[in-house]
Amino acid sequence: MSANPQWDISRALRVARLFHLVCGVRDACVTPFLTLYLRQLGLAAPWVGILMGTKHLIAAFWAPFCAFLARSHQKRRVLMTASLLGSAGASLFMVLVPPLDRDPGHRRCDGSHSLTAEGPPPGVALTVTPASNSPAGVLSLPGAKSSGVAGTRGFGEGYTPGSSVGSTQGTRNRSGVLLHPDTPGVTGSPREGAFRVVSPPLPLSAGGTALASPANQSAAEGDGRALGLSLEGLQWTFILSLGSVVLWELLTSPLEQVADDSLYEYLDFVDATDRYRSLWVWRLLGTSVGVCGIAALVGPLDCFLATSGPRGVVHFYGYSLVSALALLVSIAFPVPVCRRQEPSYRTVKALSLVVGDPHLTVLALTIFLTGGATSAVQNFLFWQMKDHGSSELTMGFSVALGLLGEIMLHPFKAPLLRKLSRVGTLGLGLGCLAGQLLYYSFLWSWWSVLPAQILSALSHGALWWAVSTSIEHLATPGTERPLSAVFRGHVCGSGASLGSFVGGFVVTRFSLPVLYQACCVLLLLWLALFLSIQPRLPQERKINYSKLLAVEASDTSDSEQGTERDWLVKAMREEHSDWRG
């Protein structure tokens, strides 16, 4: 079999490593910076949360479905090619989405061809309330006499959510709409936490009310029209962003799972699946290189590619170019021509196993909560760094720091699991993630995020090591890979989706530090509950295969053939019957 060129394992592994490396670079071009780009389009935290939640939800359920179809109809290579081509084109639709502020006056290129910003940063939530006692078209602030728009920063220091200009009580408006701060006629300082609709000063009567002269009414109506255009722009920007993100995710999400299934099946034909386990390192290396490389190119290239619109279009151009490179590599990617007949209901089987096994049920709840808390970091950490003056290169370096730490910690995986056990390692990962979230809520400068990123090696790496090892011990024969796919896709993706939906509204209603602190408290409470219920769970059933085989080898009597000396078969039958029951 090895003489057949189809089974050139060394060549297949070299191509697979290169493919994982290139795909890591490809994903790093956009994924870490997507929420930052959406903010620069003018979308506030709730809309960004809805977009990211939809993205995670599609990835959680659409990717496994496409992988099932590709396996059933022998179209894996076709789907990989279509995914790479389609996602490269779909990503460019994001460049065409019009920002709320179409006037690039707040941006300029300095002498070093780097893009700088002037004026308030985009992405701030503004609350607009029509005045019930003002002339038509005039906007008033809750609790204030002057016309204007009360706004809140999405997060930051020294602001009270819902507070208004001229009001000391911070009255909240629950029926407001969210606007971009740089829309025409909207000004203010992000550090002040408030923005106003600027209009010519109206002469006041003795009673302090504006005189309803024709000129004053015209000015008020002009402000009303400008605000109406801003609201219409917000609606179109959000709808077009949602359509672009949905199309893009539908095309790009199946690629990773289809490629992994294809490679694993290829290696399984020649009993070389042990060499599959080390390929994840290449994807992390590609992500580390890509996230720093694209961040370094954004400043200089944006001056030439983005004469108008928001900063960051270089991310999407880079994504498309690297997708073309990945397409070339995918031509040689190992895809087995023949396949072994496997049950088509593997995912359903894995889900029923999760529901029926208390250990797996508790593990699934843990991953669900972890996915929700992690989405808070992925969605809004760069917003906070940007408010503290961080460059995109620093943001990219912070991501690479966590990934490289995970790679360097991997040689200590076995000793860590042996010393702490699976439960202890999982608890350590949860505790480190809670500590990270608490630390992020007290960031004081752009560089202060870097020390906490080192903990990502434990909060992500060690946590998933414990999850993978638990799945290996708890899975029944033939369900290990489906279980792993369920945990990484359905469970973690659903948690990230819910966390994104809720997180955006929490950021606007309260602040980002409050979101981080709430996630930290939730994880610590679950950690305490998780550790307390472990002794009360049913003891894991194990089959000591080595002992059973030794007993069978020592028994050579032919007279006992067909009796209960075949302990291995009996034990596996009992386990199978228990599982089906």
Protein backbone atom coordinates (compact mmCIF):
# COMPACT_ATOMS: atom_id res chain seq x y z
CA MET A 1 0.00 0.00 0.00
CA SER A 2 2.83 2.43 0.78
CA ALA A 3 4.23 1.90 -2.75
CA ASN A 4 1.12 3.52 -4.20
CA PRO A 5 1.82 7.25 -4.79
CA GLN A 6 -1.56 7.96 -3.26
CA TRP A 7 -0.18 6.92 0.13
CA ASP A 8 3.01 9.02 0.19
CA ILE A 9 2.74 9.87 3.88
CA SER A 10 5.83 12.09 4.09
CA ARG A 11 4.67 14.22 1.18
CA ALA A 12 1.12 14.37 2.53
CA LEU A 13 2.34 15.60 5.91
CA ARG A 14 4.56 18.25 4.33
CA VAL A 15 1.64 19.58 2.30
CA ALA A 16 -0.64 19.45 5.35
CA ARG A 17 1.84 21.44 7.45
CA LEU A 18 2.15 24.08 4.75
CA PHE A 19 -1.63 24.22 4.35
CA HIS A 20 -2.17 24.67 8.08
CA LEU A 21 0.52 27.36 8.16
CA VAL A 22 -1.02 29.30 5.28
CA CYS A 23 -4.55 28.95 6.67
CA GLY A 24 -3.30 30.26 10.01
CA VAL A 25 -1.88 33.34 8.26
CA ARG A 26 -5.14 33.69 6.30
CA ASP A 27 -7.37 33.63 9.38
CA ALA A 28 -5.08 36.01 11.26
CA CYS A 29 -5.43 38.68 8.57
CA VAL A 30 -9.03 39.46 9.52
CA THR A 31 -10.50 37.43 12.39
CA PRO A 32 -8.72 39.14 15.35
CA PHE A 33 -9.37 42.62 13.91
CA LEU A 34 -12.91 42.18 12.61
CA THR A 35 -14.68 43.80 15.56
CA LEU A 36 -12.26 46.72 15.44
CA TYR A 37 -13.11 47.25 11.77
CA LEU A 38 -16.83 47.08 12.53
CA ARG A 39 -16.34 49.74 15.18
CA GLN A 40 -14.58 51.93 12.64
CA LEU A 41 -17.55 51.50 10.32
CA GLY A 42 -19.55 53.23 13.05
CA LEU A 43 -21.33 50.26 14.62
CA ALA A 44 -21.67 50.33 18.39
CA ALA A 45 -21.25 47.37 20.75
CA PRO A 46 -24.78 45.85 20.50
CA TRP A 47 -24.65 45.67 16.71
CA VAL A 48 -21.14 44.25 16.77
CA GLY A 49 -22.28 41.67 19.31
CA ILE A 50 -25.16 40.64 17.05
CA LEU A 51 -22.84 40.31 14.06
CA MET A 52 -20.26 38.25 15.94
CA GLY A 53 -22.92 36.11 17.60
CA THR A 54 -24.39 35.31 14.19
CA LYS A 55 -20.93 34.49 12.89
CA HIS A 56 -20.24 32.03 15.74
CA LEU A 57 -23.67 30.44 15.37
CA ILE A 58 -23.16 29.76 11.67
CA ALA A 59 -19.73 28.26 12.29
CA ALA A 60 -21.08 26.02 15.05
CA PHE A 61 -23.74 24.30 12.94
CA TRP A 62 -23.09 25.00 9.27
CA ALA A 63 -19.52 23.65 9.19
CA PRO A 64 -20.42 20.14 10.51
CA PHE A 65 -23.34 19.95 8.08
CA CYS A 66 -21.14 20.82 5.10
CA ALA A 67 -18.50 18.33 6.26
CA PHE A 68 -21.18 15.63 6.40
CA LEU A 69 -22.37 16.42 2.88
CA ALA A 70 -18.83 16.50 1.50
CA ARG A 71 -18.06 13.11 3.06
CA SER A 72 -21.30 11.54 1.90
CA HIS A 73 -21.01 12.70 -1.72
CA GLN A 74 -17.21 12.41 -2.09
CA LYS A 75 -16.88 16.16 -2.80
CA ARG A 76 -14.30 17.21 -0.25
CA ARG A 77 -11.83 18.70 -2.70
CA VAL A 78 -14.61 20.52 -4.53
CA LEU A 79 -15.88 22.00 -1.27
CA MET A 80 -12.37 23.08 -0.20
CA THR A 81 -11.81 24.81 -3.53
CA ALA A 82 -15.21 26.49 -3.43
CA SER A 83 -14.66 27.60 0.16
CA LEU A 84 -11.30 29.20 -0.58
CA LEU A 85 -12.49 30.94 -3.73
CA GLY A 86 -15.82 32.02 -2.29
CA SER A 87 -14.45 33.32 1.00
CA ALA A 88 -11.75 35.31 -0.82
CA GLY A 89 -14.44 37.07 -2.83
CA ALA A 90 -16.94 37.41 0.00
CA SER A 91 -14.38 39.07 2.27
CA LEU A 92 -14.07 41.90 -0.24
CA PHE A 93 -17.76 42.72 0.20
CA MET A 94 -16.86 44.11 3.64
CA VAL A 95 -14.72 46.73 1.91
CA LEU A 96 -17.81 47.91 0.02
CA VAL A 97 -19.90 48.46 3.16
CA PRO A 98 -20.28 52.24 3.55
CA PRO A 99 -19.22 53.64 6.92
CA LEU A 100 -21.53 55.95 8.80
CA ASP A 101 -19.04 58.77 8.45
CA ARG A 102 -18.19 58.98 4.77
CA ASP A 103 -16.08 62.08 5.23
CA PRO A 104 -12.44 61.02 5.81
CA GLY A 105 -11.62 64.41 7.25
CA HIS A 106 -10.69 62.92 10.61
CA ARG A 107 -7.95 60.86 8.94
CA ARG A 108 -4.71 61.91 7.35
CA CYS A 109 -1.43 60.34 6.26
CA ASP A 110 1.69 61.80 7.79
CA GLY A 111 5.09 61.98 6.18
CA SER A 112 5.95 58.38 7.01
CA HIS A 113 2.89 57.13 5.08
CA SER A 114 1.19 55.98 8.25
CA LEU A 115 -2.45 56.70 8.87
CA THR A 116 -3.40 58.77 11.86
CA ALA A 117 -6.75 59.84 13.18
CA GLU A 118 -8.00 63.25 14.11
CA GLY A 119 -11.04 63.84 16.24
CA PRO A 120 -12.99 61.36 18.29
CA PRO A 121 -12.62 57.67 17.51
CA PRO A 122 -15.54 55.85 15.91
CA GLY A 123 -17.74 53.23 17.43
CA VAL A 124 -19.25 55.21 20.29
CA ALA A 125 -22.85 54.62 21.27
CA LEU A 126 -25.10 57.65 21.15
CA THR A 127 -28.57 57.86 22.64
CA VAL A 128 -31.08 60.07 20.83
CA THR A 129 -34.31 61.21 22.47
CA PRO A 130 -36.91 63.38 20.76
CA ALA A 131 -37.96 66.24 23.03
CA SER A 132 -41.58 66.16 23.93
CA ASN A 133 -41.70 69.87 24.84
CA SER A 134 -39.45 71.26 22.12
CA PRO A 135 -40.22 72.63 18.69
CA ALA A 136 -40.55 70.15 15.85
CA GLY A 137 -37.24 68.65 14.87
CA VAL A 138 -35.39 69.77 18.01
CA LEU A 139 -33.70 67.09 20.11
CA SER A 140 -33.39 67.41 23.86
CA LEU A 141 -31.42 65.61 26.51
CA PRO A 142 -33.09 63.73 29.33
CA GLY A 143 -32.73 65.89 32.38
CA ALA A 144 -31.21 68.80 30.46
CA LYS A 145 -32.61 72.05 29.05
CA SER A 146 -30.35 72.40 26.03
CA SER A 147 -31.05 70.56 22.81
CA GLY A 148 -28.63 67.83 21.81
CA VAL A 149 -27.85 64.16 21.91
CA ALA A 150 -26.79 62.35 25.05
CA GLY A 151 -24.21 59.70 24.44
CA THR A 152 -22.23 57.07 26.21
CA ARG A 153 -18.91 55.64 25.38
CA GLY A 154 -19.04 51.93 24.89
CA PHE A 155 -16.64 51.65 27.81
CA GLY A 156 -13.77 53.49 29.40
CA GLU A 157 -12.83 55.48 32.42
CA GLY A 158 -14.78 58.31 33.89
CA TYR A 159 -18.15 57.89 32.25
CA THR A 160 -21.58 57.01 33.45
CA PRO A 161 -23.64 54.92 31.04
CA GLY A 162 -26.64 56.85 29.87
CA SER A 163 -25.44 60.14 31.39
CA SER A 164 -26.41 63.30 29.53
CA VAL A 165 -24.84 66.66 28.93
CA GLY A 166 -25.88 69.07 31.59
CA SER A 167 -27.35 66.37 33.79
CA THR A 168 -25.80 65.28 37.06
CA GLN A 169 -28.14 62.37 37.61
CA GLY A 170 -27.12 60.27 34.63
CA THR A 171 -30.66 59.61 33.50
CA ARG A 172 -30.87 56.48 31.34
CA ASN A 173 -32.84 56.25 28.12
CA ARG A 174 -33.92 52.71 27.35
CA SER A 175 -35.62 53.52 24.05
CA GLY A 176 -32.78 55.27 22.30
CA VAL A 177 -30.94 54.39 19.13
CA LEU A 178 -27.22 54.02 18.61
CA LEU A 179 -25.35 56.45 16.39
CA HIS A 180 -21.84 57.00 15.23
CA PRO A 181 -20.17 59.98 16.96
CA ASP A 182 -18.66 61.33 13.76
CA THR A 183 -21.91 61.66 11.87
CA PRO A 184 -22.58 65.13 10.46
CA GLY A 185 -23.71 67.48 13.18
CA VAL A 186 -22.59 65.21 16.01
CA THR A 187 -19.57 66.30 18.00
CA GLY A 188 -18.03 65.67 21.35
CA SER A 189 -15.10 64.21 23.18
CA PRO A 190 -14.88 60.50 23.96
CA ARG A 191 -13.19 61.28 27.24
CA GLU A 192 -16.14 63.44 28.23
CA GLY A 193 -18.50 60.59 27.48
CA ALA A 194 -21.03 62.87 25.77
CA PHE A 195 -21.81 64.12 22.29
CA ARG A 196 -24.09 66.89 21.06
CA VAL A 197 -25.89 67.82 17.88
CA VAL A 198 -24.33 71.13 16.97
CA SER A 199 -26.65 73.87 15.75
CA PRO A 200 -26.48 77.65 15.73
CA PRO A 201 -27.28 79.09 19.15
CA LEU A 202 -30.95 79.87 19.50
CA PRO A 203 -31.97 83.14 21.11
CA LEU A 204 -33.74 82.49 24.35
CA SER A 205 -36.72 84.27 25.73
CA ALA A 206 -36.83 85.52 29.26
CA GLY A 207 -38.27 82.23 30.34
CA GLY A 208 -35.30 80.36 28.96
CA THR A 209 -37.14 78.81 26.01
CA ALA A 210 -36.06 79.10 22.39
CA LEU A 211 -37.95 81.63 20.27
CA ALA A 212 -39.83 79.89 17.49
CA SER A 213 -38.62 82.17 14.71
CA PRO A 214 -38.49 80.90 11.11
CA ALA A 215 -34.68 80.94 11.19
CA ASN A 216 -34.58 78.93 14.40
CA GLN A 217 -37.07 76.42 13.04
CA SER A 218 -35.01 76.03 9.86
CA ALA A 219 -31.87 75.33 11.89
CA ALA A 220 -33.71 72.79 14.01
CA GLU A 221 -35.17 71.11 10.94
CA GLY A 222 -31.69 70.95 9.41
CA ASP A 223 -30.39 69.17 12.48
CA GLY A 224 -33.35 66.79 12.33
CA ARG A 225 -32.66 65.95 8.70
CA ALA A 226 -28.97 65.33 9.45
CA LEU A 227 -29.92 63.03 12.29
CA GLY A 228 -32.43 61.21 10.07
CA LEU A 229 -29.73 60.61 7.48
CA SER A 230 -27.47 59.28 10.22
CA LEU A 231 -30.14 56.83 11.39
CA GLU A 232 -30.73 55.70 7.83
CA GLY A 233 -27.00 55.26 7.35
CA LEU A 234 -26.80 53.20 10.53
CA GLN A 235 -29.54 50.92 9.26
CA TRP A 236 -27.88 50.34 5.91
CA THR A 237 -24.41 49.90 7.39
CA PHE A 238 -25.68 47.27 9.81
CA ILE A 239 -27.74 45.39 7.21
CA LEU A 240 -24.91 45.32 4.67
CA SER A 241 -22.41 44.28 7.34
CA LEU A 242 -24.71 41.49 8.49
CA GLY A 243 -25.19 40.22 4.94
CA SER A 244 -21.46 40.32 4.24
CA VAL A 245 -20.55 38.53 7.48
CA VAL A 246 -23.20 35.83 6.96
CA LEU A 247 -22.14 35.15 3.36
CA TRP A 248 -18.49 35.16 4.29
CA GLU A 249 -18.95 32.75 7.21
CA LEU A 250 -21.13 30.39 5.17
CA LEU A 251 -18.30 30.08 2.66
CA THR A 252 -15.29 29.97 4.97
CA SER A 253 -16.42 27.95 8.00
CA PRO A 254 -16.54 24.46 6.38
CA LEU A 255 -12.91 24.56 5.23
CA GLU A 256 -11.14 23.64 8.46
CA GLN A 257 -13.34 20.69 9.41
CA VAL A 258 -13.43 19.26 5.88
CA ALA A 259 -9.64 19.48 5.61
CA ASP A 260 -9.11 17.91 9.03
CA ASP A 261 -11.50 15.04 8.32
CA SER A 262 -9.88 14.40 4.97
CA LEU A 263 -6.35 14.34 6.37
CA TYR A 264 -7.29 12.16 9.35
CA GLU A 265 -9.03 9.65 7.09
CA TYR A 266 -6.03 9.64 4.74
CA LEU A 267 -3.64 8.85 7.61
CA ASP A 268 -6.05 6.34 9.10
CA PHE A 269 -5.78 4.15 6.00
CA VAL A 270 -2.10 3.53 6.76
CA ASP A 271 -2.37 3.60 10.58
CA ALA A 272 -0.45 6.87 10.87
CA THR A 273 -2.99 8.93 12.82
CA ASP A 274 -0.46 9.51 15.60
CA ARG A 275 1.32 11.95 13.28
CA TYR A 276 -1.89 13.95 12.92
CA ARG A 277 -1.72 15.26 16.48
CA SER A 278 1.23 17.60 15.91
CA LEU A 279 -0.24 19.56 13.01
CA TRP A 280 -2.05 22.08 15.20
CA VAL A 281 1.31 23.71 15.96
CA TRP A 282 1.66 24.86 12.37
CA ARG A 283 -1.69 26.63 12.41
CA LEU A 284 -0.75 28.50 15.60
CA LEU A 285 2.60 29.47 14.09
CA GLY A 286 0.85 30.75 10.98
CA THR A 287 -1.60 32.74 13.07
CA SER A 288 1.24 34.26 15.10
CA VAL A 289 3.13 35.33 12.00
CA GLY A 290 0.04 36.52 10.17
CA VAL A 291 -1.42 38.62 12.96
CA CYS A 292 1.83 40.55 13.41
CA GLY A 293 2.57 40.79 9.68
CA ILE A 294 -0.80 42.18 8.65
CA ALA A 295 -0.78 44.63 11.57
CA ALA A 296 2.60 45.95 10.45
CA LEU A 297 1.30 46.47 6.90
CA VAL A 298 -1.95 48.21 7.81
CA GLY A 299 -0.44 51.64 8.55
CA PRO A 300 1.65 52.14 5.40
CA LEU A 301 -0.71 50.44 2.92
CA ASP A 302 -3.92 52.07 4.14
CA CYS A 303 -2.60 55.40 2.90
CA PHE A 304 -2.50 54.03 -0.65
CA LEU A 305 -5.54 51.74 -0.60
CA ALA A 306 -8.02 53.61 1.60
CA THR A 307 -8.36 57.20 0.49
CA SER A 308 -11.86 57.21 1.96
CA GLY A 309 -13.82 55.07 4.35
CA PRO A 310 -12.60 53.37 7.51
CA ARG A 311 -9.12 52.20 8.22
CA GLY A 312 -8.45 48.48 7.93
CA VAL A 313 -9.31 47.49 4.36
CA VAL A 314 -5.79 46.07 4.06
CA HIS A 315 -6.93 43.20 6.30
CA PHE A 316 -9.45 42.05 3.70
CA TYR A 317 -7.10 42.47 0.76
CA GLY A 318 -4.48 40.47 2.61
CA TYR A 319 -7.05 37.79 3.42
CA SER A 320 -7.96 37.44 -0.26
CA LEU A 321 -4.33 37.21 -1.36
CA VAL A 322 -3.45 34.56 1.21
CA SER A 323 -6.63 32.66 0.28
CA ALA A 324 -5.32 32.47 -3.30
CA LEU A 325 -2.06 31.03 -1.95
CA ALA A 326 -3.97 28.50 0.16
CA LEU A 327 -5.92 27.50 -2.94
CA LEU A 328 -2.68 26.61 -4.71
CA VAL A 329 -1.54 24.52 -1.75
CA SER A 330 -4.93 22.77 -1.53
CA ILE A 331 -4.39 21.29 -4.99
CA ALA A 332 -1.83 18.92 -3.47
CA PHE A 333 -3.67 18.46 -0.16
CA PRO A 334 -4.18 14.75 0.64
CA VAL A 335 -7.77 13.70 -0.03
CA PRO A 336 -8.36 9.93 -0.07
CA VAL A 337 -10.04 8.61 -3.18
CA CYS A 338 -11.67 5.66 -1.45
CA ARG A 339 -13.17 5.75 1.99
CA ARG A 340 -14.26 3.38 4.68
CA GLN A 341 -17.94 3.03 5.31
CA GLU A 342 -18.74 4.97 8.45
CA PRO A 343 -22.10 5.57 10.10
CA SER A 344 -23.67 8.83 9.00
CA TYR A 345 -25.14 9.53 12.41
CA ARG A 346 -21.85 10.06 14.26
CA THR A 347 -22.77 13.54 15.47
CA VAL A 348 -26.15 12.38 16.79
CA LYS A 349 -24.41 9.49 18.51
CA ALA A 350 -21.91 11.86 20.12
CA LEU A 351 -24.65 14.24 21.28
CA SER A 352 -26.61 11.38 22.87
CA LEU A 353 -23.44 10.32 24.64
CA VAL A 354 -22.99 13.84 26.05
CA VAL A 355 -26.54 13.84 27.36
CA GLY A 356 -26.27 10.35 28.84
CA ASP A 357 -22.91 10.67 30.59
CA PRO A 358 -22.86 13.04 33.62
CA HIS A 359 -19.11 13.62 33.24
CA LEU A 360 -19.53 14.72 29.62
CA THR A 361 -22.59 16.83 30.50
CA VAL A 362 -20.64 18.78 33.13
CA LEU A 363 -17.72 19.11 30.71
CA ALA A 364 -20.05 20.47 28.02
CA LEU A 365 -21.48 23.09 30.39
CA THR A 366 -17.93 24.11 31.28
CA ILE A 367 -16.97 24.58 27.63
CA PHE A 368 -20.20 26.45 26.93
CA LEU A 369 -19.46 28.99 29.67
CA THR A 370 -15.82 29.20 28.63
CA GLY A 371 -16.83 29.97 25.05
CA GLY A 372 -19.12 32.75 26.23
CA ALA A 373 -16.46 34.33 28.43
CA THR A 374 -13.78 34.03 25.76
CA SER A 375 -15.99 35.83 23.24
CA ALA A 376 -15.97 38.87 25.53
CA VAL A 377 -12.19 39.04 25.18
CA GLN A 378 -12.14 38.37 21.45
CA ASN A 379 -14.85 40.91 20.66
CA PHE A 380 -13.93 43.93 22.73
CA LEU A 381 -10.37 43.71 24.04
CA PHE A 382 -8.98 45.53 21.01
CA TRP A 383 -11.57 48.27 21.55
CA GLN A 384 -10.19 48.83 25.01
CA MET A 385 -6.60 48.77 23.78
CA LYS A 386 -7.49 51.25 21.04
CA ASP A 387 -8.97 53.64 23.59
CA HIS A 388 -5.68 53.50 25.49
CA GLY A 389 -3.75 54.47 22.36
CA SER A 390 -2.56 51.04 21.25
CA SER A 391 -1.46 50.45 17.68
CA GLU A 392 -2.62 47.45 15.67
CA LEU A 393 0.91 46.06 15.78
CA THR A 394 0.70 45.92 19.57
CA MET A 395 -2.67 44.22 19.32
CA GLY A 396 -1.26 41.65 16.95
CA PHE A 397 1.74 41.06 19.18
CA SER A 398 -0.56 40.46 22.15
CA VAL A 399 -2.35 37.71 20.21
CA ALA A 400 0.93 36.15 19.07
CA LEU A 401 2.25 36.22 22.63
CA GLY A 402 -0.59 34.02 23.86
CA LEU A 403 -0.29 31.57 20.96
CA LEU A 404 3.48 31.20 21.27
CA GLY A 405 3.10 30.67 25.01
CA GLU A 406 0.70 27.82 24.32
CA ILE A 407 3.20 26.22 21.93
CA MET A 408 6.06 26.52 24.42
CA LEU A 409 3.99 25.07 27.24
CA HIS A 410 2.95 22.02 25.23
CA PRO A 411 6.02 19.87 26.17
CA PHE A 412 4.78 20.09 29.77
CA LYS A 413 1.33 18.76 28.89
CA ALA A 414 1.90 15.21 30.13
CA PRO A 415 3.59 16.18 33.45
CA LEU A 416 0.88 18.78 34.11
CA LEU A 417 -1.94 16.31 33.55
CA ARG A 418 -0.15 13.68 35.62
CA LYS A 419 0.43 16.01 38.56
CA LEU A 420 -2.91 17.80 38.59
CA SER A 421 -5.19 15.20 36.95
CA ARG A 422 -7.72 16.14 34.31
CA VAL A 423 -10.05 17.84 36.77
CA GLY A 424 -7.23 19.84 38.34
CA THR A 425 -5.88 20.98 34.97
CA LEU A 426 -9.36 22.02 33.86
CA GLY A 427 -9.81 23.95 37.09
CA LEU A 428 -6.45 25.63 36.56
CA GLY A 429 -7.49 26.73 33.09
CA LEU A 430 -10.80 28.14 34.35
CA GLY A 431 -9.06 29.97 37.16
CA CYS A 432 -6.51 31.52 34.80
CA LEU A 433 -9.25 32.64 32.42
CA ALA A 434 -11.15 34.25 35.29
CA GLY A 435 -7.95 35.98 36.41
CA GLN A 436 -7.35 37.27 32.90
CA LEU A 437 -10.83 38.74 32.69
CA LEU A 438 -10.46 40.45 36.05
CA TYR A 439 -7.10 41.87 34.99
CA TYR A 440 -8.53 43.19 31.71
CA SER A 441 -11.16 45.15 33.62
CA PHE A 442 -8.41 47.25 35.22
CA LEU A 443 -6.19 48.00 32.22
CA TRP A 444 -4.45 51.35 32.58
CA SER A 445 -2.36 51.66 29.38
CA TRP A 446 -1.90 50.07 25.97
CA TRP A 447 0.99 47.84 27.09
CA SER A 448 -0.62 46.60 30.30
CA VAL A 449 -2.49 43.88 28.40
CA LEU A 450 0.72 42.06 27.46
CA PRO A 451 1.53 40.40 30.82
CA ALA A 452 -1.94 38.87 31.04
CA GLN A 453 -1.63 37.37 27.57
CA ILE A 454 0.98 34.94 28.86
CA LEU A 455 -1.78 33.29 30.89
CA SER A 456 -3.49 32.30 27.63
CA ALA A 457 -1.18 29.29 27.54
CA LEU A 458 -3.07 27.98 30.58
CA SER A 459 -6.50 29.56 30.14
CA HIS A 460 -6.80 28.15 26.62
CA GLY A 461 -4.05 25.56 26.11
CA ALA A 462 -4.18 23.67 29.40
CA LEU A 463 -7.97 23.85 29.52
CA TRP A 464 -8.34 22.19 26.13
CA TRP A 465 -5.67 19.62 26.96
CA ALA A 466 -7.81 18.53 29.88
CA VAL A 467 -10.93 18.49 27.69
CA SER A 468 -9.25 16.39 24.99
CA THR A 469 -7.88 13.91 27.52
CA SER A 470 -11.28 13.61 29.18
CA ILE A 471 -12.90 12.91 25.82
CA GLU A 472 -10.35 10.17 25.13
CA HIS A 473 -11.18 8.50 28.45
CA LEU A 474 -14.95 8.91 28.29
CA ALA A 475 -15.68 8.26 24.61
CA THR A 476 -17.00 4.88 23.51
CA PRO A 477 -15.30 3.15 20.56
CA GLY A 478 -15.64 5.20 17.38
CA THR A 479 -16.97 8.37 19.02
CA GLU A 480 -13.77 10.17 20.03
CA ARG A 481 -13.48 12.42 16.97
CA PRO A 482 -17.23 13.16 16.75
CA LEU A 483 -17.20 14.07 20.46
CA SER A 484 -14.23 16.37 19.98
CA ALA A 485 -15.99 18.05 17.03
CA VAL A 486 -19.16 18.50 19.10
CA PHE A 487 -17.27 20.16 21.95
CA ARG A 488 -15.17 22.45 19.75
CA GLY A 489 -17.93 23.26 17.30
CA HIS A 490 -21.45 22.98 18.67
CA VAL A 491 -20.82 23.54 22.38
CA CYS A 492 -18.03 26.14 22.34
CA GLY A 493 -19.49 27.91 19.28
CA SER A 494 -22.94 28.15 20.86
CA GLY A 495 -21.43 29.59 24.03
CA ALA A 496 -19.43 32.15 22.04
CA SER A 497 -22.56 33.10 20.11
CA LEU A 498 -24.62 33.67 23.24
CA GLY A 499 -21.73 35.53 24.88
CA SER A 500 -21.46 37.86 21.90
CA PHE A 501 -25.18 38.60 21.81
CA VAL A 502 -25.32 39.40 25.52
CA GLY A 503 -21.91 41.03 25.78
CA GLY A 504 -22.64 43.81 23.29
CA PHE A 505 -25.67 44.99 25.23
CA VAL A 506 -23.85 44.73 28.57
CA VAL A 507 -21.05 46.94 27.21
CA THR A 508 -23.54 49.62 26.16
CA ARG A 509 -25.80 49.35 29.20
CA PHE A 510 -22.94 49.31 31.70
CA SER A 511 -19.33 49.20 30.50
CA LEU A 512 -16.68 46.80 29.26
CA PRO A 513 -15.01 46.46 32.69
CA VAL A 514 -18.38 45.42 34.10
CA LEU A 515 -18.69 42.77 31.38
CA TYR A 516 -15.26 41.38 32.20
CA GLN A 517 -15.96 41.36 35.92
CA ALA A 518 -19.33 39.67 35.43
CA CYS A 519 -17.72 36.94 33.31
CA CYS A 520 -15.00 36.52 35.94
CA VAL A 521 -17.56 36.07 38.73
CA LEU A 522 -19.56 33.62 36.62
CA LEU A 523 -16.49 31.49 35.89
CA LEU A 524 -15.40 31.46 39.53
CA LEU A 525 -18.87 30.41 40.67
CA TRP A 526 -18.93 27.63 38.08
CA LEU A 527 -15.41 26.56 39.08
CA ALA A 528 -16.51 26.18 42.69
CA LEU A 529 -19.58 24.22 41.62
CA PHE A 530 -17.54 22.11 39.19
CA LEU A 531 -15.03 21.07 41.83
CA SER A 532 -17.72 20.41 44.44
CA ILE A 533 -19.78 18.05 42.27
CA GLN A 534 -16.87 16.01 40.94
CA PRO A 535 -16.79 13.60 43.93
CA ARG A 536 -20.56 13.08 43.60
CA LEU A 537 -20.49 12.05 39.95
CA PRO A 538 -20.66 8.34 39.09
CA GLN A 539 -17.27 6.70 38.89
CA GLU A 540 -15.93 6.37 35.37
CA ARG A 541 -16.17 2.87 33.94
CA LYS A 542 -12.89 1.65 32.54
CA ILE A 543 -11.83 -1.52 30.75
CA ASN A 544 -8.35 -2.72 31.62
CA TYR A 545 -7.49 -4.09 28.20
CA SER A 546 -3.94 -5.13 29.08
CA LYS A 547 -5.13 -7.20 32.04
CA LEU A 548 -7.87 -8.83 30.01
CA LEU A 549 -5.49 -9.73 27.21
CA ALA A 550 -3.00 -11.17 29.70
CA VAL A 551 -5.71 -13.34 31.21
CA GLU A 552 -6.74 -14.51 27.77
CA ALA A 553 -3.16 -15.33 26.76
CA SER A 554 -2.56 -17.40 29.89
CA ASP A 555 -5.66 -19.50 29.27
CA THR A 556 -4.81 -21.94 26.47
CA SER A 557 -7.32 -24.65 27.22
CA ASP A 558 -9.32 -25.57 24.14
CA SER A 559 -12.07 -26.96 26.29
CA GLU A 560 -12.95 -23.46 27.43
CA GLN A 561 -13.34 -22.16 23.94
CA GLY A 562 -16.67 -20.41 23.53
CA THR A 563 -17.04 -19.84 27.28
CA GLU A 564 -16.61 -16.68 29.29
CA ARG A 565 -12.82 -16.59 28.97
CA ASP A 566 -13.13 -13.97 26.23
CA TRP A 567 -13.29 -11.17 28.76
CA LEU A 568 -12.49 -8.45 26.26
CA VAL A 569 -15.45 -9.23 24.03
CA LYS A 570 -17.74 -9.61 27.02
CA ALA A 571 -16.66 -6.31 28.55
CA MET A 572 -17.08 -4.44 25.28
CA ARG A 573 -20.51 -5.99 24.76
CA GLU A 574 -21.58 -4.92 28.25
CA GLU A 575 -20.29 -1.44 27.66
CA HIS A 576 -22.10 -1.24 24.32
CA SER A 577 -25.36 -2.49 25.81
CA ASP A 578 -25.08 -0.04 28.73
CA TRP A 579 -24.46 2.81 26.33
CA ARG A 580 -27.44 1.90 24.14
CA GLY A 581 -29.62 1.56 27.20
